[in-house]
Amino acid sequence: MRHWISLTAMLFLVLPVAAGGDGLAGNWKVTIFEDGQYLNFWLVTLDAKDGKLTGEAQVMSKIPETTVTGVKVDGDLLKMAFKLANGVQFNFEGKLPRVGGKKFYGSITRGSNSTPA
């Protein structure tokens, strides 16, 4: 009986992360932690078509219009770039949530500066 309980517990501990991009399709809010506060920058809509992920960004604060490029899943990481109309680019990298997860954590990088997101 103990072996069965141990095996069941191990199966739950190694549940797979969201497979490909299908589990990521939908709306995601990008929140950046900076200067001791959480700032909402974008509402990102991810779409999975023909095995590829695409994204659109809707700005949520006083920042320039933004496009999302280079959306891809690399192992258990989601990577994408946010290109602002003024030429500034932010790169996001975050660990995928488990299947059905509603949050995932990562970082936004601009140049050599990185911020939790």
C-alpha atoms as a PDB file:
ATOM      1  CA  MET A   1       0.000   0.000   0.000  1.00  0.00           C
ATOM      2  CA  ARG A   2       2.832   2.409   0.802  1.00  0.00           C
ATOM      3  CA  HIS A   3       4.337   1.822  -2.642  1.00  0.00           C
ATOM      4  CA  TRP A   4       1.032   2.687  -4.309  1.00  0.00           C
ATOM      5  CA  ILE A   5       0.727   5.929  -2.344  1.00  0.00           C
ATOM      6  CA  SER A   6       4.341   6.841  -3.149  1.00  0.00           C
ATOM      7  CA  LEU A   7       3.841   6.127  -6.860  1.00  0.00           C
ATOM      8  CA  THR A   8       0.629   8.181  -6.946  1.00  0.00           C
ATOM      9  CA  ALA A   9       2.333  11.095  -5.183  1.00  0.00           C
ATOM     10  CA  MET A  10       5.254  10.974  -7.638  1.00  0.00           C
ATOM     11  CA  LEU A  11       2.899  11.045 -10.614  1.00  0.00           C
ATOM     12  CA  PHE A  12       1.266  14.205  -9.311  1.00  0.00           C
ATOM     13  CA  LEU A  13       4.654  15.807  -8.703  1.00  0.00           C
ATOM     14  CA  VAL A  14       5.783  15.277 -12.290  1.00  0.00           C
ATOM     15  CA  LEU A  15       2.644  16.358 -14.117  1.00  0.00           C
ATOM     16  CA  PRO A  16       3.648  17.771 -17.505  1.00  0.00           C
ATOM     17  CA  VAL A  17       3.772  21.481 -18.210  1.00  0.00           C
ATOM     18  CA  ALA A  18       1.429  22.967 -20.801  1.00  0.00           C
ATOM     19  CA  ALA A  19       1.999  21.022 -23.997  1.00  0.00           C
ATOM     20  CA  GLY A  20       3.206  23.110 -26.909  1.00  0.00           C
ATOM     21  CA  GLY A  21       1.311  26.331 -27.371  1.00  0.00           C
ATOM     22  CA  ASP A  22      -2.234  24.975 -27.223  1.00  0.00           C
ATOM     23  CA  GLY A  23      -2.459  25.368 -23.448  1.00  0.00           C
ATOM     24  CA  LEU A  24      -1.214  28.955 -23.695  1.00  0.00           C
ATOM     25  CA  ALA A  25      -3.854  30.252 -26.086  1.00  0.00           C
ATOM     26  CA  GLY A  26      -5.903  32.993 -24.483  1.00  0.00           C
ATOM     27  CA  ASN A  27      -5.384  36.241 -22.613  1.00  0.00           C
ATOM     28  CA  TRP A  28      -2.461  36.849 -20.258  1.00  0.00           C
ATOM     29  CA  LYS A  29      -1.719  39.974 -18.239  1.00  0.00           C
ATOM     30  CA  VAL A  30       1.950  40.995 -18.122  1.00  0.00           C
ATOM     31  CA  THR A  31       2.786  42.478 -14.731  1.00  0.00           C
ATOM     32  CA  ILE A  32       6.271  43.744 -13.971  1.00  0.00           C
ATOM     33  CA  PHE A  33       7.638  44.165 -10.444  1.00  0.00           C
ATOM     34  CA  GLU A  34       9.654  47.376 -10.345  1.00  0.00           C
ATOM     35  CA  ASP A  35      10.542  49.848  -7.589  1.00  0.00           C
ATOM     36  CA  GLY A  36       8.632  47.810  -5.013  1.00  0.00           C
ATOM     37  CA  GLN A  37       5.326  47.798  -6.905  1.00  0.00           C
ATOM     38  CA  TYR A  38       3.504  45.719  -9.481  1.00  0.00           C
ATOM     39  CA  LEU A  39       2.919  47.494 -12.798  1.00  0.00           C
ATOM     40  CA  ASN A  40       0.496  46.206 -15.433  1.00  0.00           C
ATOM     41  CA  PHE A  41       2.015  46.786 -18.858  1.00  0.00           C
ATOM     42  CA  TRP A  42       0.170  44.634 -21.408  1.00  0.00           C
ATOM     43  CA  LEU A  43      -2.726  42.314 -21.932  1.00  0.00           C
ATOM     44  CA  VAL A  44      -1.351  39.709 -24.335  1.00  0.00           C
ATOM     45  CA  THR A  45      -3.568  37.492 -26.444  1.00  0.00           C
ATOM     46  CA  LEU A  46      -1.791  34.321 -27.533  1.00  0.00           C
ATOM     47  CA  ASP A  47      -3.173  32.271 -30.382  1.00  0.00           C
ATOM     48  CA  ALA A  48      -2.056  28.791 -31.490  1.00  0.00           C
ATOM     49  CA  LYS A  49      -2.550  28.036 -35.186  1.00  0.00           C
ATOM     50  CA  ASP A  50      -0.927  25.261 -37.191  1.00  0.00           C
ATOM     51  CA  GLY A  51       1.473  24.526 -34.334  1.00  0.00           C
ATOM     52  CA  LYS A  52       2.734  28.118 -34.146  1.00  0.00           C
ATOM     53  CA  LEU A  53       2.117  30.709 -31.477  1.00  0.00           C
ATOM     54  CA  THR A  54       1.345  34.321 -32.290  1.00  0.00           C
ATOM     55  CA  GLY A  55       0.623  37.188 -29.966  1.00  0.00           C
ATOM     56  CA  GLU A  56      -0.981  40.609 -29.830  1.00  0.00           C
ATOM     57  CA  ALA A  57      -0.440  43.179 -27.101  1.00  0.00           C
ATOM     58  CA  GLN A  58      -2.909  45.681 -25.776  1.00  0.00           C
ATOM     59  CA  VAL A  59      -1.231  48.382 -23.696  1.00  0.00           C
ATOM     60  CA  MET A  60      -2.530  48.842 -20.154  1.00  0.00           C
ATOM     61  CA  SER A  61      -0.546  51.884 -19.086  1.00  0.00           C
ATOM     62  CA  LYS A  62       0.985  54.992 -20.592  1.00  0.00           C
ATOM     63  CA  ILE A  63       3.458  53.256 -22.888  1.00  0.00           C
ATOM     64  CA  PRO A  64       3.656  53.315 -26.691  1.00  0.00           C
ATOM     65  CA  GLU A  65       1.741  50.876 -28.847  1.00  0.00           C
ATOM     66  CA  THR A  66       3.408  47.474 -28.732  1.00  0.00           C
ATOM     67  CA  THR A  67       3.710  44.489 -31.052  1.00  0.00           C
ATOM     68  CA  VAL A  68       4.554  40.961 -29.962  1.00  0.00           C
ATOM     69  CA  THR A  69       7.098  39.002 -31.997  1.00  0.00           C
ATOM     70  CA  GLY A  70       9.075  35.796 -31.739  1.00  0.00           C
ATOM     71  CA  VAL A  71       6.566  33.903 -29.605  1.00  0.00           C
ATOM     72  CA  LYS A  72       7.867  30.382 -29.067  1.00  0.00           C
ATOM     73  CA  VAL A  73       8.006  27.557 -26.593  1.00  0.00           C
ATOM     74  CA  ASP A  74      11.529  26.272 -25.964  1.00  0.00           C
ATOM     75  CA  GLY A  75      11.359  23.248 -23.690  1.00  0.00           C
ATOM     76  CA  ASP A  76       9.517  24.460 -20.596  1.00  0.00           C
ATOM     77  CA  LEU A  77      10.082  28.154 -21.364  1.00  0.00           C
ATOM     78  CA  LEU A  78       7.910  30.672 -23.187  1.00  0.00           C
ATOM     79  CA  LYS A  79       9.874  33.356 -25.018  1.00  0.00           C
ATOM     80  CA  MET A  80       8.619  36.467 -26.802  1.00  0.00           C
ATOM     81  CA  ALA A  81       9.631  40.025 -27.583  1.00  0.00           C
ATOM     82  CA  PHE A  82       7.647  43.224 -27.045  1.00  0.00           C
ATOM     83  CA  LYS A  83       8.531  45.924 -29.584  1.00  0.00           C
ATOM     84  CA  LEU A  84       7.326  49.402 -28.711  1.00  0.00           C
ATOM     85  CA  ALA A  85       6.455  51.927 -31.415  1.00  0.00           C
ATOM     86  CA  ASN A  86       9.362  54.110 -30.262  1.00  0.00           C
ATOM     87  CA  GLY A  87      11.870  51.335 -31.079  1.00  0.00           C
ATOM     88  CA  VAL A  88      12.455  50.026 -27.551  1.00  0.00           C
ATOM     89  CA  GLN A  89      12.360  46.233 -27.229  1.00  0.00           C
ATOM     90  CA  PHE A  90      11.705  44.086 -24.163  1.00  0.00           C
ATOM     91  CA  ASN A  91      12.361  40.329 -24.151  1.00  0.00           C
ATOM     92  CA  PHE A  92      10.265  38.045 -21.974  1.00  0.00           C
ATOM     93  CA  GLU A  93      11.241  34.563 -20.815  1.00  0.00           C
ATOM     94  CA  GLY A  94       9.104  32.597 -18.386  1.00  0.00           C
ATOM     95  CA  LYS A  95       8.685  29.050 -17.128  1.00  0.00           C
ATOM     96  CA  LEU A  96       5.484  27.488 -18.418  1.00  0.00           C
ATOM     97  CA  PRO A  97       2.754  26.711 -15.904  1.00  0.00           C
ATOM     98  CA  ARG A  98       1.593  23.170 -15.316  1.00  0.00           C
ATOM     99  CA  VAL A  99      -1.394  22.114 -17.380  1.00  0.00           C
ATOM    100  CA  GLY A 100      -4.317  24.300 -16.382  1.00  0.00           C
ATOM    101  CA  GLY A 101      -2.066  26.807 -14.619  1.00  0.00           C
ATOM    102  CA  LYS A 102      -3.272  30.388 -14.469  1.00  0.00           C
ATOM    103  CA  LYS A 103       0.055  32.117 -13.732  1.00  0.00           C
ATOM    104  CA  PHE A 104       3.613  31.768 -14.729  1.00  0.00           C
ATOM    105  CA  TYR A 105       6.684  33.654 -13.699  1.00  0.00           C
ATOM    106  CA  GLY A 106       9.591  34.956 -15.674  1.00  0.00           C
ATOM    107  CA  SER A 107      11.589  38.047 -16.414  1.00  0.00           C
ATOM    108  CA  ILE A 108      11.551  40.995 -18.803  1.00  0.00           C
ATOM    109  CA  THR A 109      14.918  42.094 -20.133  1.00  0.00           C
ATOM    110  CA  ARG A 110      15.851  45.355 -21.820  1.00  0.00           C
ATOM    111  CA  GLY A 111      19.506  45.632 -22.663  1.00  0.00           C
ATOM    112  CA  SER A 112      21.387  44.348 -19.635  1.00  0.00           C
ATOM    113  CA  ASN A 113      18.585  45.120 -17.149  1.00  0.00           C
ATOM    114  CA  SER A 114      16.259  42.325 -16.046  1.00  0.00           C
ATOM    115  CA  THR A 115      13.053  42.687 -14.027  1.00  0.00           C
ATOM    116  CA  PRO A 116      10.725  40.000 -12.563  1.00  0.00           C
ATOM    117  CA  ALA A 117       7.484  39.585 -14.482  1.00  0.00           C
END
